[in-house]
Amino acid sequence: MERLAIPVFESRVSPVLDSCQRMVVVDIEKGCEIRRQELNLDKMSIHERIEVMARWGIRKVICAGISDVMCRFLAGKNIALVSGIAGELEKIINAYICNRLDDACFMMPGKHDKKNP
């Protein structure tokens, strides 16, 4: 089973992981979503956020933007990061499961593919 988290604002990926108030935690097994839970991060420091993610067993975070500090803390807990992703939560989860998260429609505006700057 794979457990990933996506910071959300309303029904979209939250613009900045560091200050999001909630995350959707998705468990995926054999290419199917098997469980979805919500994690409340309101009023938590960066350190508290990282500790909660580690305790929940989150192994990957999909987000739009993140600070360098938060990125280093995630790496320190062996939590993989996919950043620069924008869009509606349902579409992002589906794209991840279908291995299409690198489609241009999910890239943050202004982010360029390193192959095609």
N, C-alpha and C. Protein backbone atom coordinates (compact mmCIF):
# COMPACT_ATOMS: atom_id res chain seq x y z
N MET A 1 0.84 -1.19 0.00
CA MET A 1 0.00 0.00 0.00
C MET A 1 0.88 1.25 0.00
N GLU A 2 0.45 2.23 -0.72
CA GLU A 2 1.13 3.52 -0.79
C GLU A 2 0.23 4.58 -0.15
N ARG A 3 0.82 5.42 0.69
CA ARG A 3 0.05 6.49 1.34
C ARG A 3 0.64 7.83 0.89
N LEU A 4 -0.23 8.64 0.26
CA LEU A 4 0.21 9.96 -0.17
C LEU A 4 -0.71 11.01 0.40
N ALA A 5 -0.21 12.24 0.44
CA ALA A 5 -1.00 13.35 0.98
C ALA A 5 -0.96 14.52 0.00
N ILE A 6 -2.08 15.23 -0.04
CA ILE A 6 -2.21 16.39 -0.91
C ILE A 6 -2.82 17.52 -0.09
N PRO A 7 -2.11 18.66 0.03
CA PRO A 7 -2.70 19.79 0.74
C PRO A 7 -3.83 20.36 -0.11
N VAL A 8 -4.96 20.66 0.51
CA VAL A 8 -6.11 21.14 -0.26
C VAL A 8 -6.68 22.43 0.30
N PHE A 9 -7.21 23.21 -0.61
CA PHE A 9 -8.00 24.40 -0.29
C PHE A 9 -9.26 24.29 -1.12
N GLU A 10 -10.39 24.18 -0.45
CA GLU A 10 -11.67 23.89 -1.11
C GLU A 10 -11.51 22.57 -1.86
N SER A 11 -11.66 22.56 -3.16
CA SER A 11 -11.55 21.29 -3.90
C SER A 11 -10.29 21.23 -4.77
N ARG A 12 -9.34 22.12 -4.50
CA ARG A 12 -8.13 22.19 -5.32
C ARG A 12 -6.87 22.00 -4.47
N VAL A 13 -5.75 21.75 -5.14
CA VAL A 13 -4.47 21.67 -4.45
C VAL A 13 -4.17 23.04 -3.87
N SER A 14 -3.82 23.06 -2.59
CA SER A 14 -3.51 24.31 -1.91
C SER A 14 -2.25 24.93 -2.51
N PRO A 15 -2.19 26.26 -2.61
CA PRO A 15 -1.03 26.90 -3.25
C PRO A 15 0.30 26.66 -2.53
N VAL A 16 0.29 26.57 -1.18
CA VAL A 16 1.55 26.43 -0.44
C VAL A 16 1.39 25.39 0.66
N LEU A 17 2.21 24.36 0.62
CA LEU A 17 2.14 23.29 1.62
C LEU A 17 2.39 23.82 3.03
N ASP A 18 3.33 24.72 3.19
CA ASP A 18 3.74 25.22 4.51
C ASP A 18 2.58 25.81 5.32
N SER A 19 1.62 26.39 4.65
CA SER A 19 0.55 27.10 5.37
C SER A 19 -0.85 26.53 5.13
N CYS A 20 -0.94 25.37 4.50
CA CYS A 20 -2.27 24.79 4.26
C CYS A 20 -2.91 24.40 5.59
N GLN A 21 -4.23 24.41 5.61
CA GLN A 21 -4.94 24.06 6.84
C GLN A 21 -5.35 22.60 6.89
N ARG A 22 -5.43 21.97 5.72
CA ARG A 22 -5.82 20.55 5.72
C ARG A 22 -5.17 19.82 4.57
N MET A 23 -5.04 18.51 4.76
CA MET A 23 -4.49 17.63 3.73
C MET A 23 -5.44 16.45 3.56
N VAL A 24 -5.51 15.97 2.35
CA VAL A 24 -6.23 14.74 2.10
C VAL A 24 -5.17 13.64 1.99
N VAL A 25 -5.36 12.59 2.77
CA VAL A 25 -4.44 11.45 2.79
C VAL A 25 -5.12 10.31 2.04
N VAL A 26 -4.44 9.79 1.03
CA VAL A 26 -5.01 8.78 0.15
C VAL A 26 -4.16 7.51 0.22
N ASP A 27 -4.82 6.40 0.46
CA ASP A 27 -4.16 5.10 0.42
C ASP A 27 -4.46 4.46 -0.92
N ILE A 28 -3.39 4.01 -1.58
CA ILE A 28 -3.52 3.41 -2.91
C ILE A 28 -2.90 2.02 -2.87
N GLU A 29 -3.63 1.07 -3.44
CA GLU A 29 -3.13 -0.29 -3.50
C GLU A 29 -3.51 -0.90 -4.84
N LYS A 30 -2.53 -1.48 -5.51
CA LYS A 30 -2.75 -2.12 -6.81
C LYS A 30 -3.46 -1.20 -7.78
N GLY A 31 -3.07 0.08 -7.80
CA GLY A 31 -3.62 1.04 -8.75
C GLY A 31 -5.02 1.53 -8.43
N CYS A 32 -5.49 1.30 -7.21
CA CYS A 32 -6.83 1.75 -6.83
C CYS A 32 -6.78 2.49 -5.50
N GLU A 33 -7.58 3.53 -5.40
CA GLU A 33 -7.74 4.21 -4.13
C GLU A 33 -8.56 3.32 -3.21
N ILE A 34 -8.01 3.04 -2.03
CA ILE A 34 -8.74 2.16 -1.11
C ILE A 34 -9.26 2.91 0.12
N ARG A 35 -8.69 4.08 0.41
CA ARG A 35 -9.14 4.84 1.57
C ARG A 35 -8.73 6.29 1.40
N ARG A 36 -9.55 7.17 1.98
CA ARG A 36 -9.26 8.60 1.96
C ARG A 36 -9.62 9.16 3.33
N GLN A 37 -8.70 9.95 3.88
CA GLN A 37 -8.92 10.58 5.18
C GLN A 37 -8.50 12.04 5.09
N GLU A 38 -8.98 12.83 6.02
CA GLU A 38 -8.59 14.24 6.05
C GLU A 38 -7.76 14.49 7.30
N LEU A 39 -6.70 15.26 7.13
CA LEU A 39 -5.79 15.59 8.21
C LEU A 39 -5.84 17.10 8.43
N ASN A 40 -6.20 17.53 9.64
CA ASN A 40 -6.30 18.95 9.96
C ASN A 40 -4.95 19.44 10.46
N LEU A 41 -4.37 20.44 9.80
CA LEU A 41 -3.07 21.00 10.16
C LEU A 41 -3.16 22.43 10.66
N ASP A 42 -4.37 22.89 10.90
CA ASP A 42 -4.59 24.28 11.31
C ASP A 42 -3.77 24.62 12.55
N LYS A 43 -3.07 25.73 12.51
CA LYS A 43 -2.28 26.27 13.63
C LYS A 43 -1.09 25.40 14.02
N MET A 44 -0.64 24.51 13.15
CA MET A 44 0.55 23.71 13.44
C MET A 44 1.78 24.36 12.85
N SER A 45 2.89 24.27 13.56
CA SER A 45 4.16 24.75 13.04
C SER A 45 4.66 23.79 11.96
N ILE A 46 5.69 24.20 11.25
CA ILE A 46 6.27 23.33 10.23
C ILE A 46 6.74 22.02 10.86
N HIS A 47 7.40 22.11 12.01
CA HIS A 47 7.89 20.91 12.69
C HIS A 47 6.74 19.98 13.07
N GLU A 48 5.67 20.54 13.60
CA GLU A 48 4.51 19.73 13.97
C GLU A 48 3.89 19.07 12.74
N ARG A 49 3.81 19.80 11.65
CA ARG A 49 3.25 19.25 10.41
C ARG A 49 4.05 18.02 9.94
N ILE A 50 5.36 18.17 9.95
CA ILE A 50 6.23 17.08 9.50
C ILE A 50 6.08 15.86 10.41
N GLU A 51 6.04 16.09 11.72
CA GLU A 51 5.90 14.98 12.66
C GLU A 51 4.56 14.25 12.47
N VAL A 52 3.49 15.01 12.26
CA VAL A 52 2.18 14.40 12.03
C VAL A 52 2.20 13.58 10.75
N MET A 53 2.79 14.12 9.69
CA MET A 53 2.86 13.37 8.42
C MET A 53 3.65 12.07 8.61
N ALA A 54 4.75 12.14 9.34
CA ALA A 54 5.55 10.94 9.58
C ALA A 54 4.76 9.93 10.41
N ARG A 55 4.08 10.38 11.46
CA ARG A 55 3.27 9.47 12.29
C ARG A 55 2.16 8.79 11.50
N TRP A 56 1.58 9.53 10.56
CA TRP A 56 0.51 8.97 9.73
C TRP A 56 1.05 8.00 8.67
N GLY A 57 2.35 7.93 8.52
CA GLY A 57 2.93 7.01 7.53
C GLY A 57 2.85 7.52 6.11
N ILE A 58 2.77 8.82 5.94
CA ILE A 58 2.73 9.41 4.60
C ILE A 58 4.11 9.25 3.98
N ARG A 59 4.16 8.71 2.76
CA ARG A 59 5.43 8.48 2.08
C ARG A 59 5.66 9.42 0.91
N LYS A 60 4.60 10.13 0.49
CA LYS A 60 4.74 11.05 -0.65
C LYS A 60 3.75 12.19 -0.47
N VAL A 61 4.20 13.41 -0.84
CA VAL A 61 3.34 14.59 -0.81
C VAL A 61 3.31 15.17 -2.21
N ILE A 62 2.11 15.46 -2.68
CA ILE A 62 1.92 16.14 -3.96
C ILE A 62 1.44 17.54 -3.62
N CYS A 63 2.15 18.56 -4.09
CA CYS A 63 1.77 19.93 -3.73
C CYS A 63 2.06 20.90 -4.86
N ALA A 64 1.59 22.13 -4.66
CA ALA A 64 1.86 23.19 -5.63
C ALA A 64 3.19 23.85 -5.32
N GLY A 65 3.27 24.46 -4.13
CA GLY A 65 4.49 25.15 -3.74
C GLY A 65 4.90 24.76 -2.33
N ILE A 66 6.21 24.93 -2.06
CA ILE A 66 6.77 24.55 -0.76
C ILE A 66 8.04 25.36 -0.53
N SER A 67 8.30 25.70 0.73
CA SER A 67 9.52 26.42 1.05
C SER A 67 10.71 25.45 1.05
N ASP A 68 11.90 26.00 0.92
CA ASP A 68 13.11 25.16 0.98
C ASP A 68 13.23 24.47 2.34
N VAL A 69 12.87 25.17 3.39
CA VAL A 69 12.96 24.61 4.74
C VAL A 69 12.04 23.39 4.86
N MET A 70 10.80 23.54 4.46
CA MET A 70 9.83 22.42 4.54
C MET A 70 10.29 21.26 3.67
N CYS A 71 10.84 21.57 2.52
CA CYS A 71 11.35 20.55 1.60
C CYS A 71 12.45 19.73 2.28
N ARG A 72 13.36 20.40 2.97
CA ARG A 72 14.44 19.71 3.67
C ARG A 72 13.89 18.83 4.81
N PHE A 73 12.90 19.34 5.54
CA PHE A 73 12.31 18.56 6.63
C PHE A 73 11.62 17.30 6.10
N LEU A 74 10.92 17.43 4.98
CA LEU A 74 10.29 16.26 4.37
C LEU A 74 11.34 15.22 4.00
N ALA A 75 12.41 15.69 3.37
CA ALA A 75 13.49 14.78 2.96
C ALA A 75 14.10 14.09 4.18
N GLY A 76 14.21 14.82 5.28
CA GLY A 76 14.75 14.25 6.51
C GLY A 76 13.90 13.13 7.08
N LYS A 77 12.63 13.11 6.75
CA LYS A 77 11.71 12.05 7.19
C LYS A 77 11.46 11.03 6.08
N ASN A 78 12.24 11.12 5.00
CA ASN A 78 12.10 10.21 3.85
C ASN A 78 10.71 10.25 3.24
N ILE A 79 10.16 11.45 3.17
CA ILE A 79 8.87 11.65 2.51
C ILE A 79 9.16 12.27 1.15
N ALA A 80 8.79 11.57 0.09
CA ALA A 80 9.04 12.04 -1.27
C ALA A 80 8.14 13.23 -1.58
N LEU A 81 8.58 14.06 -2.50
CA LEU A 81 7.85 15.28 -2.84
C LEU A 81 7.67 15.39 -4.34
N VAL A 82 6.44 15.72 -4.74
CA VAL A 82 6.13 16.08 -6.11
C VAL A 82 5.53 17.47 -6.03
N SER A 83 6.29 18.49 -6.44
CA SER A 83 5.81 19.86 -6.32
C SER A 83 5.55 20.47 -7.70
N GLY A 84 4.92 21.64 -7.68
CA GLY A 84 4.59 22.32 -8.93
C GLY A 84 3.32 21.81 -9.57
N ILE A 85 2.47 21.16 -8.77
CA ILE A 85 1.24 20.55 -9.29
C ILE A 85 0.04 21.40 -8.89
N ALA A 86 -0.84 21.65 -9.85
CA ALA A 86 -2.04 22.46 -9.60
C ALA A 86 -3.25 21.75 -10.20
N GLY A 87 -4.40 22.03 -9.62
CA GLY A 87 -5.63 21.50 -10.19
C GLY A 87 -6.59 21.00 -9.13
N GLU A 88 -7.67 20.41 -9.62
CA GLU A 88 -8.70 19.87 -8.75
C GLU A 88 -8.25 18.56 -8.13
N LEU A 89 -8.55 18.39 -6.87
CA LEU A 89 -8.11 17.22 -6.11
C LEU A 89 -8.44 15.91 -6.81
N GLU A 90 -9.68 15.73 -7.23
CA GLU A 90 -10.09 14.47 -7.85
C GLU A 90 -9.27 14.16 -9.10
N LYS A 91 -9.03 15.18 -9.91
CA LYS A 91 -8.25 14.99 -11.13
C LYS A 91 -6.79 14.68 -10.83
N ILE A 92 -6.26 15.29 -9.78
CA ILE A 92 -4.87 15.05 -9.39
C ILE A 92 -4.71 13.60 -8.90
N ILE A 93 -5.62 13.15 -8.07
CA ILE A 93 -5.55 11.77 -7.58
C ILE A 93 -5.65 10.78 -8.74
N ASN A 94 -6.60 11.00 -9.62
CA ASN A 94 -6.76 10.12 -10.78
C ASN A 94 -5.51 10.13 -11.66
N ALA A 95 -4.96 11.32 -11.90
CA ALA A 95 -3.75 11.42 -12.73
C ALA A 95 -2.59 10.70 -12.08
N TYR A 96 -2.47 10.80 -10.77
CA TYR A 96 -1.39 10.10 -10.07
C TYR A 96 -1.54 8.59 -10.23
N ILE A 97 -2.73 8.09 -9.99
CA ILE A 97 -2.98 6.65 -10.11
C ILE A 97 -2.71 6.16 -11.53
N CYS A 98 -3.04 7.00 -12.52
CA CYS A 98 -2.86 6.62 -13.93
C CYS A 98 -1.48 7.01 -14.47
N ASN A 99 -0.59 7.48 -13.58
CA ASN A 99 0.76 7.87 -13.97
C ASN A 99 0.77 8.98 -15.03
N ARG A 100 -0.13 9.96 -14.87
CA ARG A 100 -0.22 11.08 -15.81
C ARG A 100 -0.01 12.43 -15.13
N LEU A 101 0.57 12.43 -13.95
CA LEU A 101 0.74 13.66 -13.20
C LEU A 101 1.69 14.65 -13.89
N ASP A 102 2.50 14.15 -14.82
CA ASP A 102 3.42 15.04 -15.54
C ASP A 102 2.77 15.70 -16.76
N ASP A 103 1.47 15.48 -16.99
CA ASP A 103 0.77 16.16 -18.07
C ASP A 103 0.81 17.67 -17.84
N ALA A 104 0.95 18.43 -18.89
CA ALA A 104 1.07 19.89 -18.79
C ALA A 104 -0.11 20.55 -18.07
N CYS A 105 -1.28 19.96 -18.16
CA CYS A 105 -2.46 20.57 -17.54
C CYS A 105 -2.39 20.58 -16.02
N PHE A 106 -1.48 19.82 -15.42
CA PHE A 106 -1.35 19.79 -13.96
C PHE A 106 -0.18 20.64 -13.44
N MET A 107 0.58 21.24 -14.34
CA MET A 107 1.71 22.05 -13.91
C MET A 107 1.25 23.43 -13.45
N MET A 108 1.89 23.90 -12.38
CA MET A 108 1.63 25.25 -11.90
C MET A 108 1.93 26.23 -13.03
N PRO A 109 1.13 27.29 -13.16
CA PRO A 109 1.43 28.30 -14.17
C PRO A 109 2.85 28.86 -13.94
N GLY A 110 3.59 28.96 -15.02
CA GLY A 110 4.95 29.48 -14.94
C GLY A 110 6.01 28.41 -14.74
N LYS A 111 5.59 27.19 -14.40
CA LYS A 111 6.55 26.10 -14.24
C LYS A 111 6.79 25.47 -15.60
N HIS A 112 8.06 25.27 -15.92
CA HIS A 112 8.40 24.69 -17.22
C HIS A 112 9.01 23.32 -17.03
N ASP A 113 8.75 22.48 -17.98
CA ASP A 113 9.38 21.16 -18.02
C ASP A 113 10.87 21.38 -18.26
N LYS A 114 11.72 20.73 -17.50
CA LYS A 114 13.17 20.92 -17.64
C LYS A 114 13.66 20.47 -19.02
N LYS A 115 12.95 19.56 -19.66
CA LYS A 115 13.34 19.10 -20.98
C LYS A 115 13.03 20.16 -22.04
N ASN A 116 11.97 20.95 -21.80
CA ASN A 116 11.51 21.95 -22.77
C ASN A 116 11.31 23.29 -22.08
N PRO A 117 12.40 24.00 -21.77
CA PRO A 117 12.25 25.27 -21.03
C PRO A 117 11.52 26.35 -21.78
